[in-house]
Amino acid sequence: MFTCSEETKETLEAWAEEEGRTVSNMVERIVLEAIATKSKRQQEKK
């Protein structure tokens, strides 16, 4: 669980609904993408 603004919550709910996902699944997907992007950028710096 995490805390966010009502606006962010509504945006996530709409986005999740558009993609046929739960909000939890949508957030997990966003976080995993962010982690992958960060890892890729760190590898490029080496």
Protein backbone atom coordinates (compact mmCIF):
# COMPACT_ATOMS: atom_id res chain seq x y z
CA MET A 1 0.00 0.00 0.00
CA PHE A 2 1.15 3.54 -0.67
CA THR A 3 -0.21 7.03 -0.29
CA CYS A 4 -0.95 9.33 -3.21
CA SER A 5 -3.11 12.32 -4.03
CA GLU A 6 -6.73 11.85 -5.04
CA GLU A 7 -5.84 13.10 -8.53
CA THR A 8 -3.10 10.46 -8.89
CA LYS A 9 -5.46 7.77 -7.61
CA GLU A 10 -8.12 8.73 -10.14
CA THR A 11 -5.55 8.77 -12.95
CA LEU A 12 -4.26 5.31 -11.97
CA GLU A 13 -7.81 3.94 -11.73
CA ALA A 14 -8.72 5.25 -15.17
CA TRP A 15 -5.48 3.99 -16.71
CA ALA A 16 -5.88 0.56 -15.13
CA GLU A 17 -9.46 0.32 -16.33
CA GLU A 18 -8.44 1.24 -19.90
CA GLU A 19 -5.93 -1.62 -19.87
CA GLY A 20 -8.20 -4.12 -18.12
CA ARG A 21 -5.92 -4.29 -15.07
CA THR A 22 -6.32 -3.79 -11.37
CA VAL A 23 -4.78 -0.67 -9.88
CA SER A 24 -2.37 -2.90 -7.96
CA ASN A 25 -1.26 -4.62 -11.16
CA MET A 26 -0.94 -1.28 -12.95
CA VAL A 27 1.25 0.16 -10.20
CA GLU A 28 3.41 -2.98 -10.20
CA ARG A 29 3.88 -2.69 -13.96
CA ILE A 30 4.86 0.98 -13.68
CA VAL A 31 7.36 0.23 -10.89
CA LEU A 32 8.90 -2.69 -12.77
CA GLU A 33 9.31 -0.51 -15.88
CA ALA A 34 10.99 2.19 -13.79
CA ILE A 35 13.37 -0.35 -12.23
CA ALA A 36 14.25 -1.79 -15.65
CA THR A 37 14.89 1.70 -17.05
CA LYS A 38 17.09 2.62 -14.10
CA SER A 39 19.07 -0.62 -14.39
CA LYS A 40 19.58 -0.08 -18.11
CA ARG A 41 20.82 3.48 -17.56
CA GLN A 42 23.22 2.31 -14.86
CA GLN A 43 24.61 -0.36 -17.19
CA GLU A 44 25.12 2.22 -19.96
CA LYS A 45 27.23 4.38 -17.62
CA LYS A 46 29.71 1.54 -17.02
